[in-house]
Amino acid sequence: MNIQLPFADRIAAAHLLAKALDEYRGHLPLVLALPRGGVPIGQVIARELGGDLDMVQARKMGAPFNPELAIGAVAENGWRFVFDSTAEMDISAAQIDELAERELALMRKRRQDWVQGRPPPQVRGRLVLVVDDGIATGATMIAAIESLLPQKPARLICATPIASRDCLSRLREITHDLVYLAAPEDFRAVGQYYIDFRPVEDVEVKAILAPFAIAAKPD
């Protein structure tokens, strides 16, 4: 597939990504989007592949002395991924606990606000596609994926339009398949590869996820 960068917007990128995932069409994939930016991506993929859509939350943990510096991430179920380099930063276990709890509290609030507290979906035995609008450090995607693996999905695929090369080897180790459209050598930030990279608002997340929740309810 010939990919022209930058993408026009998330929707345009999602349509291209759905084509790259076409082998999963008809297998009722469970598409789990990392909010917020991954949710519009997941909506397109779920619709084009005939799958279910929900979210999987994970949040970056920033260093106490520099919140923009990622030391790892924590998933909604408490699973943590911490970069090995954190050991050299003189950050205590108690500080990491505090950082994690702060992000967990925010994720609990967002689950209540966005999907009325609906619990995360069951992934056991499912074909699961974990998607985001881009992967930079890889911390949140790794935490999200590692939090799902103990639940025994049949297959777990990571998919994104754009990724940093630095995180690809780690993601390949923990997934059955890794699908991305581009991994530029000079990667700096996800937003540089989109013409329109406006923030995804809470109201949009709620509006996208709601129809899938209704469709997934048992008769």
N, C-alpha and C. Protein backbone atom coordinates (compact mmCIF):
# COMPACT_ATOMS: atom_id res chain seq x y z
N MET A 1 0.85 -1.19 0.00
CA MET A 1 0.00 0.00 0.00
C MET A 1 0.89 1.25 0.00
N ASN A 2 0.64 2.15 -0.92
CA ASN A 2 1.41 3.38 -1.02
C ASN A 2 0.81 4.43 -0.10
N ILE A 3 1.52 4.78 0.96
CA ILE A 3 1.01 5.70 1.97
C ILE A 3 1.63 7.08 1.78
N GLN A 4 0.77 8.08 1.66
CA GLN A 4 1.22 9.46 1.55
C GLN A 4 1.04 10.15 2.90
N LEU A 5 2.12 10.69 3.42
CA LEU A 5 2.06 11.43 4.68
C LEU A 5 2.18 12.92 4.39
N PRO A 6 1.52 13.75 5.20
CA PRO A 6 0.70 13.41 6.36
C PRO A 6 -0.70 12.94 5.95
N PHE A 7 -1.37 12.26 6.89
CA PHE A 7 -2.77 11.90 6.70
C PHE A 7 -3.62 13.16 6.78
N ALA A 8 -4.74 13.17 6.10
CA ALA A 8 -5.64 14.33 6.18
C ALA A 8 -6.16 14.50 7.61
N ASP A 9 -6.63 13.42 8.20
CA ASP A 9 -7.15 13.44 9.56
C ASP A 9 -7.26 12.00 10.06
N ARG A 10 -7.79 11.83 11.25
CA ARG A 10 -7.89 10.48 11.82
C ARG A 10 -8.78 9.57 10.98
N ILE A 11 -9.87 10.12 10.46
CA ILE A 11 -10.82 9.29 9.70
C ILE A 11 -10.17 8.78 8.42
N ALA A 12 -9.45 9.64 7.72
CA ALA A 12 -8.76 9.22 6.50
C ALA A 12 -7.74 8.13 6.82
N ALA A 13 -6.99 8.33 7.90
CA ALA A 13 -6.00 7.32 8.31
C ALA A 13 -6.67 6.01 8.68
N ALA A 14 -7.82 6.10 9.34
CA ALA A 14 -8.53 4.89 9.78
C ALA A 14 -9.02 4.07 8.60
N HIS A 15 -9.48 4.72 7.55
CA HIS A 15 -9.93 3.99 6.36
C HIS A 15 -8.77 3.22 5.72
N LEU A 16 -7.61 3.84 5.68
CA LEU A 16 -6.43 3.16 5.15
C LEU A 16 -6.02 1.99 6.04
N LEU A 17 -6.10 2.21 7.35
CA LEU A 17 -5.74 1.15 8.30
C LEU A 17 -6.71 -0.02 8.20
N ALA A 18 -7.98 0.28 8.01
CA ALA A 18 -8.98 -0.79 7.86
C ALA A 18 -8.66 -1.66 6.65
N LYS A 19 -8.19 -1.06 5.57
CA LYS A 19 -7.80 -1.84 4.39
C LYS A 19 -6.64 -2.78 4.72
N ALA A 20 -5.70 -2.29 5.53
CA ALA A 20 -4.56 -3.11 5.91
C ALA A 20 -4.96 -4.26 6.83
N LEU A 21 -6.13 -4.12 7.46
CA LEU A 21 -6.64 -5.14 8.39
C LEU A 21 -7.72 -6.01 7.75
N ASP A 22 -7.85 -5.95 6.45
CA ASP A 22 -8.96 -6.60 5.75
C ASP A 22 -9.04 -8.11 6.00
N GLU A 23 -7.92 -8.75 6.30
CA GLU A 23 -7.95 -10.21 6.54
C GLU A 23 -8.81 -10.57 7.75
N TYR A 24 -9.10 -9.59 8.61
CA TYR A 24 -9.90 -9.87 9.80
C TYR A 24 -11.39 -9.58 9.59
N ARG A 25 -11.74 -9.12 8.40
CA ARG A 25 -13.15 -8.88 8.08
C ARG A 25 -13.91 -10.21 8.14
N GLY A 26 -15.10 -10.17 8.75
CA GLY A 26 -15.92 -11.37 8.82
C GLY A 26 -15.60 -12.28 10.00
N HIS A 27 -14.61 -11.89 10.82
CA HIS A 27 -14.25 -12.70 11.98
C HIS A 27 -14.74 -12.07 13.29
N LEU A 28 -15.68 -11.13 13.19
CA LEU A 28 -16.25 -10.43 14.34
C LEU A 28 -15.17 -9.97 15.32
N PRO A 29 -14.25 -9.14 14.86
CA PRO A 29 -13.21 -8.67 15.78
C PRO A 29 -13.79 -7.76 16.86
N LEU A 30 -13.17 -7.79 18.02
CA LEU A 30 -13.46 -6.84 19.08
C LEU A 30 -12.41 -5.74 18.97
N VAL A 31 -12.83 -4.56 18.57
CA VAL A 31 -11.92 -3.44 18.39
C VAL A 31 -11.90 -2.64 19.69
N LEU A 32 -10.74 -2.57 20.31
CA LEU A 32 -10.58 -1.83 21.56
C LEU A 32 -9.72 -0.60 21.28
N ALA A 33 -10.32 0.56 21.45
CA ALA A 33 -9.65 1.82 21.12
C ALA A 33 -9.09 2.47 22.37
N LEU A 34 -7.88 2.99 22.24
CA LEU A 34 -7.29 3.78 23.32
C LEU A 34 -7.82 5.21 23.21
N PRO A 35 -8.54 5.68 24.23
CA PRO A 35 -9.07 7.04 24.16
C PRO A 35 -7.97 8.06 24.49
N ARG A 36 -8.15 9.27 23.98
CA ARG A 36 -9.32 9.64 23.20
C ARG A 36 -9.09 9.44 21.70
N GLY A 37 -7.86 9.71 21.26
CA GLY A 37 -7.57 9.75 19.83
C GLY A 37 -7.84 8.47 19.08
N GLY A 38 -7.77 7.34 19.77
CA GLY A 38 -7.99 6.07 19.10
C GLY A 38 -9.44 5.75 18.85
N VAL A 39 -10.35 6.47 19.49
CA VAL A 39 -11.77 6.12 19.38
C VAL A 39 -12.33 6.37 17.98
N PRO A 40 -12.07 7.52 17.33
CA PRO A 40 -12.54 7.67 15.95
C PRO A 40 -11.90 6.65 15.00
N ILE A 41 -10.65 6.29 15.26
CA ILE A 41 -9.98 5.25 14.48
C ILE A 41 -10.73 3.93 14.64
N GLY A 42 -11.02 3.58 15.88
CA GLY A 42 -11.71 2.32 16.17
C GLY A 42 -13.10 2.26 15.57
N GLN A 43 -13.79 3.39 15.55
CA GLN A 43 -15.14 3.42 14.98
C GLN A 43 -15.12 3.00 13.51
N VAL A 44 -14.21 3.57 12.75
CA VAL A 44 -14.12 3.24 11.32
C VAL A 44 -13.75 1.78 11.13
N ILE A 45 -12.78 1.31 11.89
CA ILE A 45 -12.32 -0.08 11.73
C ILE A 45 -13.43 -1.06 12.10
N ALA A 46 -14.11 -0.81 13.21
CA ALA A 46 -15.19 -1.71 13.63
C ALA A 46 -16.29 -1.77 12.58
N ARG A 47 -16.65 -0.64 12.03
CA ARG A 47 -17.71 -0.62 11.01
C ARG A 47 -17.27 -1.31 9.72
N GLU A 48 -16.05 -1.04 9.29
CA GLU A 48 -15.61 -1.60 8.01
C GLU A 48 -15.32 -3.10 8.10
N LEU A 49 -14.91 -3.57 9.27
CA LEU A 49 -14.60 -4.99 9.42
C LEU A 49 -15.76 -5.79 10.00
N GLY A 50 -16.84 -5.10 10.38
CA GLY A 50 -17.99 -5.79 10.94
C GLY A 50 -17.74 -6.30 12.35
N GLY A 51 -17.10 -5.46 13.17
CA GLY A 51 -16.76 -5.87 14.52
C GLY A 51 -17.47 -5.08 15.60
N ASP A 52 -17.16 -5.42 16.84
CA ASP A 52 -17.65 -4.68 18.00
C ASP A 52 -16.62 -3.62 18.37
N LEU A 53 -17.06 -2.56 19.02
CA LEU A 53 -16.17 -1.49 19.44
C LEU A 53 -16.34 -1.22 20.93
N ASP A 54 -15.23 -1.07 21.61
CA ASP A 54 -15.22 -0.62 23.00
C ASP A 54 -13.89 0.08 23.22
N MET A 55 -13.63 0.46 24.44
CA MET A 55 -12.36 1.13 24.73
C MET A 55 -11.54 0.31 25.71
N VAL A 56 -10.24 0.49 25.65
CA VAL A 56 -9.33 -0.03 26.66
C VAL A 56 -8.50 1.17 27.11
N GLN A 57 -8.53 1.45 28.39
CA GLN A 57 -7.86 2.64 28.89
C GLN A 57 -6.48 2.32 29.43
N ALA A 58 -5.54 3.20 29.12
CA ALA A 58 -4.22 3.20 29.74
C ALA A 58 -3.74 4.64 29.73
N ARG A 59 -3.01 5.01 30.76
CA ARG A 59 -2.56 6.39 30.89
C ARG A 59 -1.05 6.43 31.14
N LYS A 60 -0.43 7.39 30.49
CA LYS A 60 0.99 7.62 30.70
C LYS A 60 1.25 8.07 32.13
N MET A 61 2.34 7.59 32.72
CA MET A 61 2.83 8.11 34.00
C MET A 61 4.05 8.97 33.70
N GLY A 62 3.97 10.25 34.09
CA GLY A 62 5.08 11.16 33.86
C GLY A 62 5.98 11.24 35.08
N ALA A 63 7.24 11.49 34.85
CA ALA A 63 8.20 11.60 35.95
C ALA A 63 7.80 12.72 36.90
N PRO A 64 7.99 12.54 38.21
CA PRO A 64 7.60 13.58 39.17
C PRO A 64 8.27 14.92 38.89
N PHE A 65 9.49 14.89 38.39
CA PHE A 65 10.24 16.12 38.14
C PHE A 65 9.99 16.69 36.74
N ASN A 66 9.31 15.90 35.89
CA ASN A 66 9.00 16.35 34.53
C ASN A 66 7.83 15.53 34.00
N PRO A 67 6.61 16.00 34.21
CA PRO A 67 5.42 15.22 33.83
C PRO A 67 5.36 14.85 32.35
N GLU A 68 6.08 15.59 31.50
CA GLU A 68 6.07 15.28 30.07
C GLU A 68 6.97 14.10 29.73
N LEU A 69 7.85 13.72 30.65
CA LEU A 69 8.76 12.60 30.43
C LEU A 69 8.08 11.30 30.88
N ALA A 70 7.76 10.45 29.95
CA ALA A 70 7.06 9.20 30.29
C ALA A 70 8.01 8.22 30.95
N ILE A 71 7.61 7.73 32.12
CA ILE A 71 8.39 6.67 32.77
C ILE A 71 7.69 5.32 32.60
N GLY A 72 6.48 5.36 32.05
CA GLY A 72 5.71 4.14 31.85
C GLY A 72 4.24 4.49 31.73
N ALA A 73 3.40 3.51 31.97
CA ALA A 73 1.95 3.72 31.87
C ALA A 73 1.24 2.71 32.75
N VAL A 74 0.00 3.02 33.08
CA VAL A 74 -0.82 2.12 33.88
C VAL A 74 -2.14 1.90 33.15
N ALA A 75 -2.57 0.65 33.09
CA ALA A 75 -3.84 0.31 32.47
C ALA A 75 -4.96 0.40 33.49
N GLU A 76 -6.17 0.40 32.99
CA GLU A 76 -7.34 0.62 33.85
C GLU A 76 -7.49 -0.45 34.92
N ASN A 77 -7.03 -1.66 34.65
CA ASN A 77 -7.14 -2.73 35.65
C ASN A 77 -5.97 -2.74 36.62
N GLY A 78 -5.10 -1.73 36.54
CA GLY A 78 -3.99 -1.62 37.46
C GLY A 78 -2.66 -2.15 36.94
N TRP A 79 -2.69 -2.82 35.79
CA TRP A 79 -1.44 -3.35 35.22
C TRP A 79 -0.51 -2.19 34.86
N ARG A 80 0.75 -2.34 35.23
CA ARG A 80 1.72 -1.27 34.97
C ARG A 80 2.82 -1.73 34.02
N PHE A 81 3.24 -0.81 33.19
CA PHE A 81 4.46 -0.99 32.40
C PHE A 81 5.37 0.17 32.74
N VAL A 82 6.59 -0.14 33.15
CA VAL A 82 7.56 0.90 33.53
C VAL A 82 8.83 0.69 32.71
N PHE A 83 9.31 1.74 32.09
CA PHE A 83 10.54 1.65 31.31
C PHE A 83 11.72 1.28 32.20
N ASP A 84 12.62 0.46 31.68
CA ASP A 84 13.81 0.06 32.44
C ASP A 84 14.64 1.27 32.86
N SER A 85 14.64 2.29 32.03
CA SER A 85 15.45 3.48 32.31
C SER A 85 14.99 4.23 33.56
N THR A 86 13.78 3.93 34.03
CA THR A 86 13.27 4.60 35.24
C THR A 86 14.14 4.28 36.45
N ALA A 87 14.78 3.13 36.45
CA ALA A 87 15.64 2.74 37.57
C ALA A 87 16.79 3.71 37.77
N GLU A 88 17.15 4.46 36.74
CA GLU A 88 18.27 5.40 36.82
C GLU A 88 17.81 6.80 37.23
N MET A 89 16.53 6.99 37.49
CA MET A 89 15.98 8.32 37.72
C MET A 89 15.73 8.65 39.18
N ASP A 90 16.07 7.76 40.07
CA ASP A 90 15.86 8.01 41.50
C ASP A 90 14.38 8.30 41.80
N ILE A 91 13.52 7.47 41.24
CA ILE A 91 12.08 7.57 41.50
C ILE A 91 11.69 6.37 42.36
N SER A 92 11.09 6.62 43.51
CA SER A 92 10.79 5.54 44.45
C SER A 92 9.54 4.77 44.04
N ALA A 93 9.41 3.58 44.60
CA ALA A 93 8.21 2.76 44.36
C ALA A 93 6.96 3.49 44.85
N ALA A 94 7.10 4.22 45.97
CA ALA A 94 5.96 4.96 46.50
C ALA A 94 5.53 6.07 45.54
N GLN A 95 6.49 6.70 44.90
CA GLN A 95 6.15 7.75 43.93
C GLN A 95 5.43 7.15 42.71
N ILE A 96 5.90 5.99 42.28
CA ILE A 96 5.23 5.33 41.15
C ILE A 96 3.82 4.92 41.54
N ASP A 97 3.65 4.43 42.77
CA ASP A 97 2.31 4.08 43.25
C ASP A 97 1.38 5.30 43.21
N GLU A 98 1.91 6.44 43.64
CA GLU A 98 1.11 7.66 43.67
C GLU A 98 0.74 8.10 42.25
N LEU A 99 1.70 8.03 41.34
CA LEU A 99 1.42 8.38 39.96
C LEU A 99 0.35 7.47 39.36
N ALA A 100 0.49 6.18 39.63
CA ALA A 100 -0.46 5.21 39.09
C ALA A 100 -1.87 5.45 39.63
N GLU A 101 -1.97 5.70 40.92
CA GLU A 101 -3.29 5.89 41.53
C GLU A 101 -3.97 7.14 40.99
N ARG A 102 -3.19 8.17 40.73
CA ARG A 102 -3.75 9.39 40.16
C ARG A 102 -4.37 9.11 38.79
N GLU A 103 -3.67 8.35 37.97
CA GLU A 103 -4.18 8.03 36.64
C GLU A 103 -5.36 7.06 36.71
N LEU A 104 -5.31 6.12 37.64
CA LEU A 104 -6.42 5.18 37.81
C LEU A 104 -7.70 5.90 38.21
N ALA A 105 -7.57 6.90 39.08
CA ALA A 105 -8.74 7.67 39.50
C ALA A 105 -9.36 8.39 38.30
N LEU A 106 -8.50 8.95 37.44
CA LEU A 106 -9.01 9.63 36.25
C LEU A 106 -9.70 8.65 35.31
N MET A 107 -9.13 7.45 35.15
CA MET A 107 -9.75 6.46 34.27
C MET A 107 -11.08 5.97 34.81
N ARG A 108 -11.19 5.84 36.13
CA ARG A 108 -12.48 5.46 36.72
C ARG A 108 -13.53 6.51 36.43
N LYS A 109 -13.14 7.78 36.57
CA LYS A 109 -14.08 8.87 36.30
C LYS A 109 -14.49 8.88 34.82
N ARG A 110 -13.53 8.68 33.95
CA ARG A 110 -13.84 8.70 32.53
C ARG A 110 -14.74 7.53 32.13
N ARG A 111 -14.53 6.38 32.71
CA ARG A 111 -15.43 5.25 32.39
C ARG A 111 -16.85 5.59 32.80
N GLN A 112 -17.00 6.24 33.94
CA GLN A 112 -18.33 6.63 34.37
C GLN A 112 -18.92 7.68 33.43
N ASP A 113 -18.12 8.67 33.07
CA ASP A 113 -18.61 9.75 32.22
C ASP A 113 -18.89 9.30 30.79
N TRP A 114 -18.02 8.48 30.25
CA TRP A 114 -18.10 8.13 28.84
C TRP A 114 -19.07 7.00 28.54
N VAL A 115 -19.09 5.97 29.40
CA VAL A 115 -19.93 4.79 29.11
C VAL A 115 -20.79 4.40 30.31
N GLN A 116 -21.10 5.39 31.16
CA GLN A 116 -21.98 5.19 32.31
C GLN A 116 -21.51 4.05 33.21
N GLY A 117 -20.21 3.89 33.32
CA GLY A 117 -19.66 2.88 34.22
C GLY A 117 -19.72 1.46 33.71
N ARG A 118 -20.10 1.27 32.45
CA ARG A 118 -20.15 -0.08 31.89
C ARG A 118 -18.78 -0.76 32.03
N PRO A 119 -18.73 -1.99 32.52
CA PRO A 119 -17.44 -2.65 32.72
C PRO A 119 -16.75 -2.94 31.40
N PRO A 120 -15.43 -3.12 31.43
CA PRO A 120 -14.71 -3.47 30.20
C PRO A 120 -15.23 -4.78 29.63
N PRO A 121 -15.14 -4.95 28.32
CA PRO A 121 -15.67 -6.16 27.69
C PRO A 121 -14.82 -7.39 27.99
N GLN A 122 -15.43 -8.55 27.86
CA GLN A 122 -14.70 -9.81 28.00
C GLN A 122 -13.94 -10.09 26.71
N VAL A 123 -12.67 -10.40 26.84
CA VAL A 123 -11.86 -10.63 25.64
C VAL A 123 -11.48 -12.10 25.46
N ARG A 124 -11.78 -12.93 26.44
CA ARG A 124 -11.40 -14.34 26.34
C ARG A 124 -11.96 -14.98 25.06
N GLY A 125 -11.07 -15.60 24.30
CA GLY A 125 -11.47 -16.28 23.10
C GLY A 125 -11.79 -15.39 21.91
N ARG A 126 -11.66 -14.08 22.06
CA ARG A 126 -12.00 -13.15 20.98
C ARG A 126 -10.77 -12.79 20.15
N LEU A 127 -11.03 -12.42 18.91
CA LEU A 127 -10.03 -11.76 18.08
C LEU A 127 -10.07 -10.29 18.46
N VAL A 128 -8.99 -9.78 19.02
CA VAL A 128 -8.97 -8.43 19.58
C VAL A 128 -8.00 -7.55 18.79
N LEU A 129 -8.49 -6.40 18.35
CA LEU A 129 -7.66 -5.39 17.70
C LEU A 129 -7.56 -4.19 18.63
N VAL A 130 -6.36 -3.88 19.10
CA VAL A 130 -6.14 -2.72 19.95
C VAL A 130 -5.61 -1.60 19.07
N VAL A 131 -6.32 -0.47 19.04
CA VAL A 131 -5.99 0.58 18.07
C VAL A 131 -5.79 1.93 18.73
N ASP A 132 -4.95 2.74 18.11
CA ASP A 132 -4.75 4.12 18.54
C ASP A 132 -4.42 4.95 17.30
N ASP A 133 -4.44 6.28 17.46
CA ASP A 133 -4.16 7.14 16.30
C ASP A 133 -2.67 7.27 16.03
N GLY A 134 -1.84 6.77 16.92
CA GLY A 134 -0.40 6.79 16.74
C GLY A 134 0.29 6.27 17.98
N ILE A 135 1.53 5.83 17.81
CA ILE A 135 2.30 5.29 18.93
C ILE A 135 3.65 5.98 18.96
N ALA A 136 3.92 6.68 20.05
CA ALA A 136 5.19 7.41 20.19
C ALA A 136 6.15 6.61 21.07
N THR A 137 6.05 6.75 22.38
CA THR A 137 6.92 5.97 23.27
C THR A 137 6.50 4.51 23.34
N GLY A 138 5.21 4.26 23.11
CA GLY A 138 4.67 2.91 23.20
C GLY A 138 4.17 2.54 24.58
N ALA A 139 4.37 3.40 25.57
CA ALA A 139 4.05 3.04 26.96
C ALA A 139 2.58 2.69 27.14
N THR A 140 1.67 3.55 26.66
CA THR A 140 0.25 3.28 26.90
C THR A 140 -0.23 2.07 26.12
N MET A 141 0.25 1.91 24.89
CA MET A 141 -0.15 0.74 24.10
C MET A 141 0.37 -0.55 24.74
N ILE A 142 1.61 -0.54 25.19
CA ILE A 142 2.17 -1.73 25.83
C ILE A 142 1.40 -2.08 27.09
N ALA A 143 1.11 -1.07 27.93
CA ALA A 143 0.35 -1.33 29.16
C ALA A 143 -1.03 -1.89 28.83
N ALA A 144 -1.69 -1.32 27.83
CA ALA A 144 -3.02 -1.79 27.45
C ALA A 144 -2.98 -3.24 26.99
N ILE A 145 -2.03 -3.55 26.12
CA ILE A 145 -1.93 -4.91 25.58
C ILE A 145 -1.57 -5.90 26.68
N GLU A 146 -0.58 -5.57 27.49
CA GLU A 146 -0.17 -6.50 28.54
C GLU A 146 -1.28 -6.72 29.57
N SER A 147 -2.15 -5.73 29.74
CA SER A 147 -3.26 -5.90 30.68
C SER A 147 -4.31 -6.86 30.14
N LEU A 148 -4.35 -7.03 28.81
CA LEU A 148 -5.34 -7.91 28.18
C LEU A 148 -4.86 -9.34 28.04
N LEU A 149 -3.57 -9.55 27.92
CA LEU A 149 -3.04 -10.89 27.64
C LEU A 149 -3.45 -11.95 28.66
N PRO A 150 -3.46 -11.65 29.98
CA PRO A 150 -3.87 -12.68 30.94
C PRO A 150 -5.32 -13.13 30.77
N GLN A 151 -6.12 -12.33 30.04
CA GLN A 151 -7.53 -12.68 29.83
C GLN A 151 -7.72 -13.65 28.65
N LYS A 152 -6.62 -14.04 28.01
CA LYS A 152 -6.61 -15.10 26.99
C LYS A 152 -7.44 -14.78 25.74
N PRO A 153 -7.17 -13.66 25.07
CA PRO A 153 -7.81 -13.48 23.77
C PRO A 153 -7.29 -14.54 22.80
N ALA A 154 -8.11 -14.91 21.82
CA ALA A 154 -7.66 -15.89 20.84
C ALA A 154 -6.49 -15.35 20.03
N ARG A 155 -6.61 -14.11 19.60
CA ARG A 155 -5.53 -13.40 18.93
C ARG A 155 -5.59 -11.95 19.33
N LEU A 156 -4.43 -11.33 19.48
CA LEU A 156 -4.38 -9.92 19.88
C LEU A 156 -3.49 -9.18 18.88
N ILE A 157 -4.10 -8.22 18.21
CA ILE A 157 -3.41 -7.47 17.16
C ILE A 157 -3.34 -6.01 17.57
N CYS A 158 -2.18 -5.41 17.41
CA CYS A 158 -2.00 -3.97 17.62
C CYS A 158 -2.04 -3.29 16.26
N ALA A 159 -2.82 -2.22 16.14
CA ALA A 159 -2.96 -1.54 14.85
C ALA A 159 -2.96 -0.02 15.04
N THR A 160 -2.22 0.67 14.20
CA THR A 160 -2.13 2.12 14.27
C THR A 160 -1.69 2.67 12.92
N PRO A 161 -2.11 3.87 12.58
CA PRO A 161 -1.64 4.45 11.32
C PRO A 161 -0.15 4.79 11.32
N ILE A 162 0.36 5.28 12.45
CA ILE A 162 1.72 5.81 12.50
C ILE A 162 2.40 5.38 13.80
N ALA A 163 3.68 5.02 13.71
CA ALA A 163 4.38 4.54 14.90
C ALA A 163 5.84 4.93 14.86
N SER A 164 6.39 5.12 16.04
CA SER A 164 7.83 5.31 16.19
C SER A 164 8.52 3.95 16.06
N ARG A 165 9.65 3.93 15.38
CA ARG A 165 10.38 2.67 15.23
C ARG A 165 10.90 2.14 16.56
N ASP A 166 11.07 3.04 17.54
CA ASP A 166 11.66 2.64 18.82
C ASP A 166 10.83 1.61 19.56
N CYS A 167 9.52 1.59 19.34
CA CYS A 167 8.66 0.70 20.12
C CYS A 167 8.22 -0.55 19.37
N LEU A 168 8.61 -0.69 18.11
CA LEU A 168 8.08 -1.78 17.29
C LEU A 168 8.50 -3.16 17.77
N SER A 169 9.77 -3.32 18.15
CA SER A 169 10.24 -4.65 18.55
C SER A 169 9.52 -5.13 19.79
N ARG A 170 9.32 -4.24 20.76
CA ARG A 170 8.61 -4.62 21.99
C ARG A 170 7.16 -5.01 21.68
N LEU A 171 6.50 -4.26 20.81
CA LEU A 171 5.11 -4.56 20.47
C LEU A 171 5.00 -5.89 19.72
N ARG A 172 5.97 -6.19 18.89
CA ARG A 172 5.94 -7.48 18.19
C ARG A 172 6.06 -8.64 19.16
N GLU A 173 6.79 -8.44 20.24
CA GLU A 173 7.00 -9.50 21.23
C GLU A 173 5.71 -9.88 21.95
N ILE A 174 4.80 -8.93 22.11
CA ILE A 174 3.64 -9.16 22.97
C ILE A 174 2.32 -9.27 22.20
N THR A 175 2.38 -9.26 20.87
CA THR A 175 1.16 -9.37 20.07
C THR A 175 1.28 -10.51 19.06
N HIS A 176 0.14 -10.94 18.55
CA HIS A 176 0.14 -11.92 17.48
C HIS A 176 0.42 -11.27 16.13
N ASP A 177 0.10 -9.99 16.02
CA ASP A 177 0.36 -9.27 14.78
C ASP A 177 0.44 -7.78 15.11
N LEU A 178 1.29 -7.09 14.38
CA LEU A 178 1.45 -5.64 14.54
C LEU A 178 1.26 -5.02 13.16
N VAL A 179 0.24 -4.16 13.04
CA VAL A 179 -0.10 -3.56 11.76
C VAL A 179 0.02 -2.05 11.88
N TYR A 180 0.86 -1.46 11.04
CA TYR A 180 0.99 -0.01 11.01
C TYR A 180 1.20 0.41 9.56
N LEU A 181 0.84 1.65 9.26
CA LEU A 181 0.95 2.14 7.89
C LEU A 181 2.29 2.78 7.60
N ALA A 182 2.90 3.39 8.60
CA ALA A 182 4.20 4.04 8.42
C ALA A 182 4.91 4.13 9.76
N ALA A 183 6.24 4.04 9.69
CA ALA A 183 7.10 4.22 10.86
C ALA A 183 8.30 5.05 10.42
N PRO A 184 8.12 6.36 10.33
CA PRO A 184 9.17 7.23 9.79
C PRO A 184 10.45 7.20 10.62
N GLU A 185 11.56 7.31 9.93
CA GLU A 185 12.86 7.30 10.61
C GLU A 185 13.04 8.52 11.49
N ASP A 186 12.47 9.65 11.06
CA ASP A 186 12.64 10.91 11.80
C ASP A 186 11.44 11.22 12.69
N PHE A 187 10.77 10.19 13.20
CA PHE A 187 9.56 10.36 14.02
C PHE A 187 9.85 11.29 15.20
N ARG A 188 8.95 12.26 15.41
CA ARG A 188 9.07 13.16 16.55
C ARG A 188 7.80 13.17 17.41
N ALA A 189 6.65 13.29 16.76
CA ALA A 189 5.38 13.31 17.49
C ALA A 189 4.27 12.84 16.56
N VAL A 190 3.26 12.21 17.13
CA VAL A 190 2.15 11.67 16.32
C VAL A 190 1.50 12.78 15.49
N GLY A 191 1.27 13.93 16.11
CA GLY A 191 0.54 15.00 15.45
C GLY A 191 1.17 15.53 14.18
N GLN A 192 2.47 15.37 14.02
CA GLN A 192 3.13 15.90 12.83
C GLN A 192 2.74 15.15 11.56
N TYR A 193 2.11 13.98 11.73
CA TYR A 193 1.75 13.16 10.57
C TYR A 193 0.27 13.27 10.22
N TYR A 194 -0.40 14.28 10.79
CA TYR A 194 -1.80 14.57 10.47
C TYR A 194 -1.93 16.06 10.13
N ILE A 195 -2.65 16.36 9.06
CA ILE A 195 -2.94 17.77 8.76
C ILE A 195 -3.91 18.31 9.80
N ASP A 196 -4.97 17.56 10.06
CA ASP A 196 -5.97 17.93 11.07
C ASP A 196 -5.82 16.97 12.24
N PHE A 197 -5.28 17.48 13.35
CA PHE A 197 -5.07 16.64 14.53
C PHE A 197 -5.71 17.31 15.75
N ARG A 198 -6.89 17.84 15.52
CA ARG A 198 -7.60 18.52 16.61
C ARG A 198 -7.92 17.51 17.72
N PRO A 199 -7.98 17.96 18.98
CA PRO A 199 -8.27 17.05 20.08
C PRO A 199 -9.65 16.41 19.93
N VAL A 200 -9.76 15.16 20.35
CA VAL A 200 -11.05 14.47 20.39
C VAL A 200 -11.70 14.80 21.73
N GLU A 201 -12.89 15.35 21.70
CA GLU A 201 -13.55 15.80 22.92
C GLU A 201 -14.34 14.66 23.58
N ASP A 202 -14.63 14.85 24.88
CA ASP A 202 -15.39 13.85 25.63
C ASP A 202 -16.72 13.53 24.96
N VAL A 203 -17.40 14.55 24.48
CA VAL A 203 -18.72 14.34 23.88
C VAL A 203 -18.62 13.46 22.65
N GLU A 204 -17.51 13.57 21.92
CA GLU A 204 -17.33 12.74 20.73
C GLU A 204 -17.08 11.28 21.12
N VAL A 205 -16.28 11.07 22.15
CA VAL A 205 -16.03 9.71 22.64
C VAL A 205 -17.34 9.05 23.03
N LYS A 206 -18.16 9.77 23.79
CA LYS A 206 -19.45 9.23 24.23
C LYS A 206 -20.35 8.90 23.05
N ALA A 207 -20.41 9.81 22.08
CA ALA A 207 -21.29 9.62 20.93
C ALA A 207 -20.86 8.44 20.08
N ILE A 208 -19.56 8.22 19.96
CA ILE A 208 -19.06 7.11 19.14
C ILE A 208 -19.31 5.78 19.82
N LEU A 209 -19.05 5.70 21.11
CA LEU A 209 -19.15 4.42 21.82
C LEU A 209 -20.59 4.00 22.09
N ALA A 210 -21.50 4.96 22.25
CA ALA A 210 -22.87 4.63 22.65
C ALA A 210 -23.59 3.68 21.70
N PRO A 211 -23.59 3.88 20.38
CA PRO A 211 -24.33 2.96 19.50
C PRO A 211 -23.81 1.53 19.55
N PHE A 212 -22.51 1.38 19.74
CA PHE A 212 -21.95 0.03 19.80
C PHE A 212 -22.38 -0.66 21.09
N ALA A 213 -22.49 0.11 22.17
CA ALA A 213 -22.94 -0.48 23.44
C ALA A 213 -24.37 -0.96 23.32
N ILE A 214 -25.22 -0.18 22.65
CA ILE A 214 -26.62 -0.58 22.47
C ILE A 214 -26.71 -1.84 21.62
N ALA A 215 -25.90 -1.87 20.55
CA ALA A 215 -25.94 -3.02 19.64
C ALA A 215 -25.44 -4.29 20.31
N ALA A 216 -24.55 -4.12 21.31
CA ALA A 216 -23.95 -5.29 21.95
C ALA A 216 -24.80 -5.86 23.07
N LYS A 217 -25.87 -5.15 23.46
CA LYS A 217 -26.70 -5.63 24.55
C LYS A 217 -27.41 -6.93 24.17
N PRO A 218 -27.52 -7.88 25.10
CA PRO A 218 -28.21 -9.12 24.79
C PRO A 218 -29.69 -8.88 24.56
N ASP A 219 -30.32 -9.76 23.76
CA ASP A 219 -31.75 -9.63 23.49
C ASP A 219 -32.57 -9.93 24.75
